[in-house]
């Protein structure tokens, strides 16, 4: 095997791993303080929370139709209840996690976008 083939093979493995991670949960940091049990990941800071609302709707914009999802989550931090409202128009991300149900436990990543917060990665957990 040539050095070039080896490098291409390693890059393909990396891409496959990233695609799997993105399907289960795509990336970024955010302004929400980490919840108890949150951990660092090469793609950003993961936070653990409980889904309190999930909604997906088709919208019409200047460039045509698009899908928008709203995700509200809650968690307990230092004995205090915290919550966050987020949204996304990333159709691939939305399709990879839809449906989420009220009460589901998830890990997520978010990114502040001006006065709004976008979820950029979500993965369902077993607990």
N, C-alpha and C. Protein backbone atom coordinates (compact mmCIF):
# COMPACT_ATOMS: atom_id res chain seq x y z
N UNK A 1 0.85 -1.17 0.00
CA UNK A 1 0.00 0.00 0.00
C UNK A 1 0.90 1.24 0.00
N UNK A 2 0.58 2.18 -0.85
CA UNK A 2 1.39 3.40 -0.93
C UNK A 2 1.03 4.33 0.24
N UNK A 3 1.91 5.27 0.49
CA UNK A 3 1.68 6.24 1.56
C UNK A 3 0.40 7.03 1.27
N UNK A 4 0.18 7.36 0.02
CA UNK A 4 -1.02 8.10 -0.38
C UNK A 4 -2.29 7.31 -0.08
N UNK A 5 -2.28 6.00 -0.43
CA UNK A 5 -3.44 5.14 -0.15
C UNK A 5 -3.68 5.03 1.35
N UNK A 6 -2.60 4.95 2.12
CA UNK A 6 -2.72 4.87 3.58
C UNK A 6 -3.39 6.14 4.12
N UNK A 7 -2.92 7.29 3.67
CA UNK A 7 -3.48 8.56 4.13
C UNK A 7 -4.95 8.67 3.73
N UNK A 8 -5.27 8.31 2.50
CA UNK A 8 -6.67 8.35 2.05
C UNK A 8 -7.53 7.42 2.91
N UNK A 9 -7.04 6.24 3.21
CA UNK A 9 -7.77 5.29 4.06
C UNK A 9 -8.02 5.86 5.45
N UNK A 10 -6.99 6.50 6.03
CA UNK A 10 -7.14 7.09 7.35
C UNK A 10 -8.13 8.26 7.32
N UNK A 11 -8.08 9.05 6.28
CA UNK A 11 -9.03 10.16 6.14
C UNK A 11 -10.46 9.64 5.97
N UNK A 12 -10.62 8.57 5.21
CA UNK A 12 -11.96 7.98 5.03
C UNK A 12 -12.49 7.45 6.36
N UNK A 13 -11.63 6.85 7.17
CA UNK A 13 -12.06 6.38 8.50
C UNK A 13 -12.51 7.56 9.35
N UNK A 14 -11.74 8.64 9.31
CA UNK A 14 -12.07 9.84 10.08
C UNK A 14 -13.40 10.42 9.62
N UNK A 15 -13.60 10.52 8.32
CA UNK A 15 -14.85 11.05 7.77
C UNK A 15 -16.02 10.15 8.20
N UNK A 16 -15.85 8.84 8.12
CA UNK A 16 -16.92 7.91 8.53
C UNK A 16 -17.26 8.10 10.00
N UNK A 17 -16.24 8.25 10.84
CA UNK A 17 -16.47 8.46 12.27
C UNK A 17 -17.21 9.77 12.50
N UNK A 18 -16.78 10.83 11.82
CA UNK A 18 -17.45 12.12 11.97
C UNK A 18 -18.89 12.07 11.48
N UNK A 19 -19.13 11.40 10.36
CA UNK A 19 -20.50 11.27 9.85
C UNK A 19 -21.37 10.53 10.85
N UNK A 20 -20.84 9.48 11.44
CA UNK A 20 -21.60 8.71 12.43
C UNK A 20 -21.91 9.59 13.63
N UNK A 21 -20.93 10.36 14.08
CA UNK A 21 -21.13 11.27 15.20
C UNK A 21 -22.15 12.34 14.85
N UNK A 22 -22.07 12.88 13.64
CA UNK A 22 -22.99 13.92 13.22
C UNK A 22 -24.41 13.38 13.11
N UNK A 23 -24.57 12.19 12.56
CA UNK A 23 -25.91 11.59 12.47
C UNK A 23 -26.50 11.42 13.86
N UNK A 24 -25.68 10.97 14.80
CA UNK A 24 -26.15 10.80 16.17
C UNK A 24 -26.21 12.14 16.88
N UNK A 25 -25.34 13.08 16.46
CA UNK A 25 -25.28 14.37 17.12
C UNK A 25 -24.25 15.33 16.54
N UNK A 26 -24.59 16.28 15.69
CA UNK A 26 -23.65 17.26 15.15
C UNK A 26 -23.23 18.43 16.09
N UNK A 27 -22.07 19.28 15.83
CA UNK A 27 -21.19 20.05 16.73
C UNK A 27 -21.45 21.51 17.19
N UNK A 28 -20.70 22.03 18.19
CA UNK A 28 -20.38 23.43 18.53
C UNK A 28 -20.46 23.75 20.00
N UNK A 29 -19.92 24.87 20.38
CA UNK A 29 -19.94 25.31 21.78
C UNK A 29 -21.13 26.21 22.00
N UNK A 30 -21.31 26.73 23.22
CA UNK A 30 -22.44 27.60 23.45
C UNK A 30 -22.33 28.35 24.74
N UNK A 31 -23.36 29.09 25.07
CA UNK A 31 -23.33 29.93 26.25
C UNK A 31 -24.00 29.28 27.45
N UNK A 32 -24.57 28.09 27.29
CA UNK A 32 -25.23 27.42 28.38
C UNK A 32 -24.20 26.78 29.29
N UNK A 33 -24.29 26.97 30.61
CA UNK A 33 -23.32 26.34 31.48
C UNK A 33 -23.47 24.83 31.44
N UNK A 34 -22.37 24.08 31.56
CA UNK A 34 -22.46 22.63 31.46
C UNK A 34 -23.29 22.05 32.59
N UNK A 35 -24.12 21.09 32.25
CA UNK A 35 -24.93 20.39 33.24
C UNK A 35 -24.07 19.36 33.95
N UNK A 36 -24.53 18.92 35.10
CA UNK A 36 -23.80 17.89 35.83
C UNK A 36 -23.67 16.66 34.95
N UNK A 37 -22.50 16.08 34.91
CA UNK A 37 -22.27 14.89 34.10
C UNK A 37 -21.91 15.21 32.66
N UNK A 38 -21.86 16.49 32.29
CA UNK A 38 -21.46 16.83 30.93
C UNK A 38 -19.98 16.54 30.77
N UNK A 39 -19.56 16.28 29.54
CA UNK A 39 -18.16 15.96 29.30
C UNK A 39 -17.68 16.66 28.05
N UNK A 40 -16.37 16.77 27.93
CA UNK A 40 -15.78 17.41 26.75
C UNK A 40 -15.70 16.42 25.61
N UNK A 41 -15.78 16.94 24.43
CA UNK A 41 -15.68 16.14 23.22
C UNK A 41 -14.88 16.96 22.23
N UNK A 42 -14.16 16.30 21.34
CA UNK A 42 -13.35 17.01 20.37
C UNK A 42 -14.21 17.95 19.52
N UNK A 43 -15.48 17.67 19.36
CA UNK A 43 -16.35 18.50 18.54
C UNK A 43 -17.00 19.64 19.32
N UNK A 44 -16.81 19.70 20.64
CA UNK A 44 -17.41 20.77 21.43
C UNK A 44 -17.84 20.28 22.78
N UNK A 45 -18.51 21.13 23.53
CA UNK A 45 -18.96 20.81 24.88
C UNK A 45 -20.36 20.19 24.83
N UNK A 46 -20.48 18.96 25.31
CA UNK A 46 -21.77 18.28 25.36
C UNK A 46 -22.43 18.59 26.69
N UNK A 47 -23.73 18.81 26.67
CA UNK A 47 -24.52 19.06 27.87
C UNK A 47 -25.65 18.04 27.93
N UNK A 48 -25.93 17.58 29.12
CA UNK A 48 -27.00 16.61 29.30
C UNK A 48 -28.24 17.34 29.78
N UNK A 49 -29.40 17.00 29.20
CA UNK A 49 -30.65 17.67 29.58
C UNK A 49 -31.83 16.77 29.25
N UNK A 50 -32.99 17.21 29.69
CA UNK A 50 -34.26 16.52 29.44
C UNK A 50 -35.09 17.38 28.48
N UNK A 51 -35.66 16.75 27.48
CA UNK A 51 -36.48 17.47 26.50
C UNK A 51 -37.80 17.89 27.15
N UNK A 52 -38.13 19.17 27.03
CA UNK A 52 -39.42 19.65 27.52
C UNK A 52 -40.36 20.03 26.37
N UNK A 53 -39.78 20.25 25.18
CA UNK A 53 -40.59 20.53 24.00
C UNK A 53 -39.77 20.25 22.75
N UNK A 54 -40.43 19.68 21.74
CA UNK A 54 -39.83 19.45 20.43
C UNK A 54 -40.89 19.73 19.39
N UNK A 55 -40.58 20.60 18.44
CA UNK A 55 -41.52 20.91 17.38
C UNK A 55 -40.79 21.15 16.07
N UNK A 56 -41.37 20.63 14.99
CA UNK A 56 -40.79 20.81 13.66
C UNK A 56 -41.88 21.39 12.76
N UNK A 57 -41.50 22.41 11.99
CA UNK A 57 -42.49 23.00 11.08
C UNK A 57 -41.84 23.42 9.78
N UNK A 58 -42.64 23.41 8.74
CA UNK A 58 -42.22 23.85 7.40
C UNK A 58 -42.52 25.34 7.32
N UNK A 59 -41.51 26.13 6.93
CA UNK A 59 -41.67 27.58 6.83
C UNK A 59 -41.38 28.02 5.40
N UNK A 60 -41.80 29.23 5.07
CA UNK A 60 -41.51 29.80 3.76
C UNK A 60 -40.66 31.05 3.97
N UNK A 61 -39.50 31.08 3.32
CA UNK A 61 -38.59 32.21 3.44
C UNK A 61 -38.34 32.85 2.10
N UNK A 62 -37.54 33.90 2.07
CA UNK A 62 -37.24 34.60 0.81
C UNK A 62 -36.57 33.69 -0.22
N UNK A 63 -35.85 32.67 0.26
CA UNK A 63 -35.17 31.75 -0.66
C UNK A 63 -35.98 30.47 -0.89
N UNK A 64 -37.20 30.43 -0.38
CA UNK A 64 -38.04 29.26 -0.57
C UNK A 64 -38.34 28.55 0.74
N UNK A 65 -38.94 27.36 0.66
CA UNK A 65 -39.33 26.63 1.87
C UNK A 65 -38.12 26.08 2.61
N UNK A 66 -38.27 25.99 3.92
CA UNK A 66 -37.23 25.39 4.76
C UNK A 66 -37.91 24.78 5.99
N UNK A 67 -37.17 23.93 6.68
CA UNK A 67 -37.67 23.28 7.89
C UNK A 67 -37.02 23.94 9.09
N UNK A 68 -37.80 24.20 10.13
CA UNK A 68 -37.29 24.77 11.37
C UNK A 68 -37.75 23.90 12.52
N UNK A 69 -36.82 23.62 13.44
CA UNK A 69 -37.16 22.84 14.62
C UNK A 69 -36.90 23.67 15.86
N UNK A 70 -37.75 23.52 16.85
CA UNK A 70 -37.58 24.17 18.14
C UNK A 70 -37.35 23.08 19.18
N UNK A 71 -36.35 23.29 20.03
CA UNK A 71 -36.00 22.33 21.08
C UNK A 71 -35.87 23.09 22.38
N UNK A 72 -36.68 22.71 23.37
CA UNK A 72 -36.58 23.28 24.71
C UNK A 72 -36.09 22.17 25.62
N UNK A 73 -35.12 22.48 26.47
CA UNK A 73 -34.55 21.49 27.38
C UNK A 73 -34.49 22.06 28.79
N UNK A 74 -34.35 21.16 29.76
CA UNK A 74 -34.22 21.56 31.17
C UNK A 74 -33.25 20.60 31.84
N UNK A 75 -32.59 21.10 32.88
CA UNK A 75 -31.67 20.28 33.67
C UNK A 75 -31.57 20.91 35.05
N UNK A 76 -30.99 20.16 35.98
CA UNK A 76 -30.76 20.65 37.33
C UNK A 76 -29.27 20.90 37.51
N UNK A 77 -28.93 22.09 37.96
CA UNK A 77 -27.53 22.45 38.20
C UNK A 77 -27.42 23.04 39.60
N UNK A 78 -26.62 22.40 40.44
CA UNK A 78 -26.44 22.85 41.83
C UNK A 78 -27.77 23.01 42.54
N UNK A 79 -28.69 22.07 42.32
CA UNK A 79 -29.99 22.08 42.96
C UNK A 79 -30.98 23.07 42.37
N UNK A 80 -30.59 23.80 41.34
CA UNK A 80 -31.45 24.79 40.72
C UNK A 80 -31.88 24.33 39.33
N UNK A 81 -33.18 24.50 39.03
CA UNK A 81 -33.69 24.14 37.71
C UNK A 81 -33.25 25.17 36.68
N UNK A 82 -32.69 24.70 35.56
CA UNK A 82 -32.27 25.56 34.46
C UNK A 82 -32.99 25.10 33.20
N UNK A 83 -33.11 26.00 32.22
CA UNK A 83 -33.74 25.63 30.95
C UNK A 83 -33.12 26.44 29.82
N UNK A 84 -33.32 25.95 28.61
CA UNK A 84 -32.78 26.60 27.42
C UNK A 84 -33.75 26.39 26.27
N UNK A 85 -33.95 27.43 25.46
CA UNK A 85 -34.76 27.34 24.24
C UNK A 85 -33.82 27.47 23.07
N UNK A 86 -33.90 26.54 22.12
CA UNK A 86 -33.01 26.53 20.97
C UNK A 86 -33.80 26.23 19.71
N UNK A 87 -33.18 26.48 18.57
CA UNK A 87 -33.80 26.13 17.30
C UNK A 87 -32.72 25.76 16.30
N UNK A 88 -33.14 25.24 15.15
CA UNK A 88 -32.22 24.91 14.07
C UNK A 88 -32.99 24.86 12.76
N UNK A 89 -32.28 25.20 11.68
CA UNK A 89 -32.85 25.03 10.34
C UNK A 89 -32.02 24.02 9.56
N UNK A 90 -31.14 23.30 10.24
CA UNK A 90 -30.30 22.26 9.62
C UNK A 90 -31.17 21.02 9.40
N UNK A 91 -31.67 20.87 8.18
CA UNK A 91 -32.62 19.79 7.90
C UNK A 91 -32.01 18.41 8.14
N UNK A 92 -30.75 18.22 7.80
CA UNK A 92 -30.10 16.93 8.02
C UNK A 92 -30.07 16.59 9.52
N UNK A 93 -29.72 17.57 10.34
CA UNK A 93 -29.69 17.37 11.79
C UNK A 93 -31.09 17.06 12.31
N UNK A 94 -32.05 17.85 11.88
CA UNK A 94 -33.43 17.66 12.34
C UNK A 94 -33.92 16.25 11.99
N UNK A 95 -33.70 15.82 10.76
CA UNK A 95 -34.13 14.48 10.35
C UNK A 95 -33.42 13.38 11.12
N UNK A 96 -32.17 13.62 11.52
CA UNK A 96 -31.42 12.58 12.22
C UNK A 96 -31.90 12.34 13.64
N UNK A 97 -32.60 13.32 14.24
CA UNK A 97 -33.04 13.16 15.63
C UNK A 97 -34.56 13.12 15.79
N UNK A 98 -35.29 13.44 14.74
CA UNK A 98 -36.75 13.48 14.81
C UNK A 98 -37.32 12.07 14.84
N UNK A 99 -38.22 11.75 15.72
CA UNK A 99 -38.85 12.62 16.70
C UNK A 99 -38.13 12.57 18.06
N UNK A 100 -38.19 13.67 18.77
CA UNK A 100 -37.82 13.70 20.19
C UNK A 100 -39.11 13.82 20.97
N UNK A 101 -39.16 13.20 22.11
CA UNK A 101 -40.37 13.23 22.92
C UNK A 101 -40.11 13.94 24.23
N UNK A 102 -41.14 14.58 24.75
CA UNK A 102 -41.04 15.24 26.04
C UNK A 102 -40.59 14.20 27.07
N UNK A 103 -39.57 14.53 27.84
CA UNK A 103 -39.05 13.62 28.85
C UNK A 103 -37.83 12.83 28.39
N UNK A 104 -37.53 12.81 27.08
CA UNK A 104 -36.33 12.13 26.59
C UNK A 104 -35.09 12.79 27.19
N UNK A 105 -34.10 11.98 27.52
CA UNK A 105 -32.82 12.51 27.98
C UNK A 105 -31.89 12.56 26.77
N UNK A 106 -31.26 13.71 26.59
CA UNK A 106 -30.38 13.92 25.44
C UNK A 106 -29.07 14.55 25.90
N UNK A 107 -28.11 14.51 25.02
CA UNK A 107 -26.91 15.31 25.15
C UNK A 107 -26.92 16.21 23.94
N UNK A 108 -26.55 17.47 24.13
CA UNK A 108 -26.62 18.42 23.02
C UNK A 108 -25.45 19.39 23.06
N UNK A 109 -25.25 20.02 21.92
CA UNK A 109 -24.30 21.12 21.78
C UNK A 109 -25.07 22.28 21.18
N UNK A 110 -24.70 23.49 21.58
CA UNK A 110 -25.40 24.66 21.07
C UNK A 110 -24.41 25.77 20.74
N UNK A 111 -24.93 26.75 20.03
CA UNK A 111 -24.11 27.87 19.62
C UNK A 111 -24.98 29.12 19.65
N UNK A 112 -24.48 30.16 20.29
CA UNK A 112 -25.20 31.42 20.34
C UNK A 112 -25.16 32.07 18.96
N UNK A 113 -26.30 32.56 18.52
CA UNK A 113 -26.42 33.18 17.20
C UNK A 113 -27.14 34.51 17.40
N UNK A 114 -26.40 35.51 17.90
CA UNK A 114 -27.04 36.79 18.23
C UNK A 114 -27.90 36.62 19.45
N UNK A 115 -29.17 36.98 19.34
CA UNK A 115 -30.06 36.84 20.50
C UNK A 115 -30.70 35.45 20.56
N UNK A 116 -30.41 34.60 19.58
CA UNK A 116 -30.95 33.24 19.55
C UNK A 116 -29.86 32.23 19.84
N UNK A 117 -30.28 31.02 20.20
CA UNK A 117 -29.35 29.91 20.39
C UNK A 117 -29.77 28.79 19.45
N UNK A 118 -28.81 28.28 18.69
CA UNK A 118 -29.05 27.16 17.78
C UNK A 118 -28.49 25.89 18.38
N UNK A 119 -29.27 24.78 18.34
CA UNK A 119 -28.66 23.50 18.70
C UNK A 119 -27.92 23.03 17.46
N UNK A 120 -26.72 22.53 17.67
CA UNK A 120 -25.87 22.14 16.55
C UNK A 120 -25.58 20.65 16.55
N UNK A 121 -25.89 19.98 17.65
CA UNK A 121 -25.69 18.55 17.76
C UNK A 121 -26.60 18.01 18.85
N UNK A 122 -27.20 16.88 18.60
CA UNK A 122 -28.07 16.25 19.58
C UNK A 122 -27.91 14.75 19.46
N UNK A 123 -27.78 14.09 20.60
CA UNK A 123 -27.80 12.63 20.58
C UNK A 123 -28.65 12.16 21.75
N UNK A 124 -29.47 11.16 21.46
CA UNK A 124 -30.33 10.60 22.48
C UNK A 124 -29.50 9.70 23.40
N UNK A 125 -29.84 9.69 24.67
CA UNK A 125 -29.16 8.82 25.62
C UNK A 125 -30.16 7.80 26.14
N UNK A 126 -29.66 6.79 26.80
CA UNK A 126 -30.52 5.71 27.28
C UNK A 126 -31.19 6.05 28.60
N UNK A 127 -30.72 7.07 29.28
CA UNK A 127 -31.28 7.38 30.59
C UNK A 127 -32.09 8.63 30.55
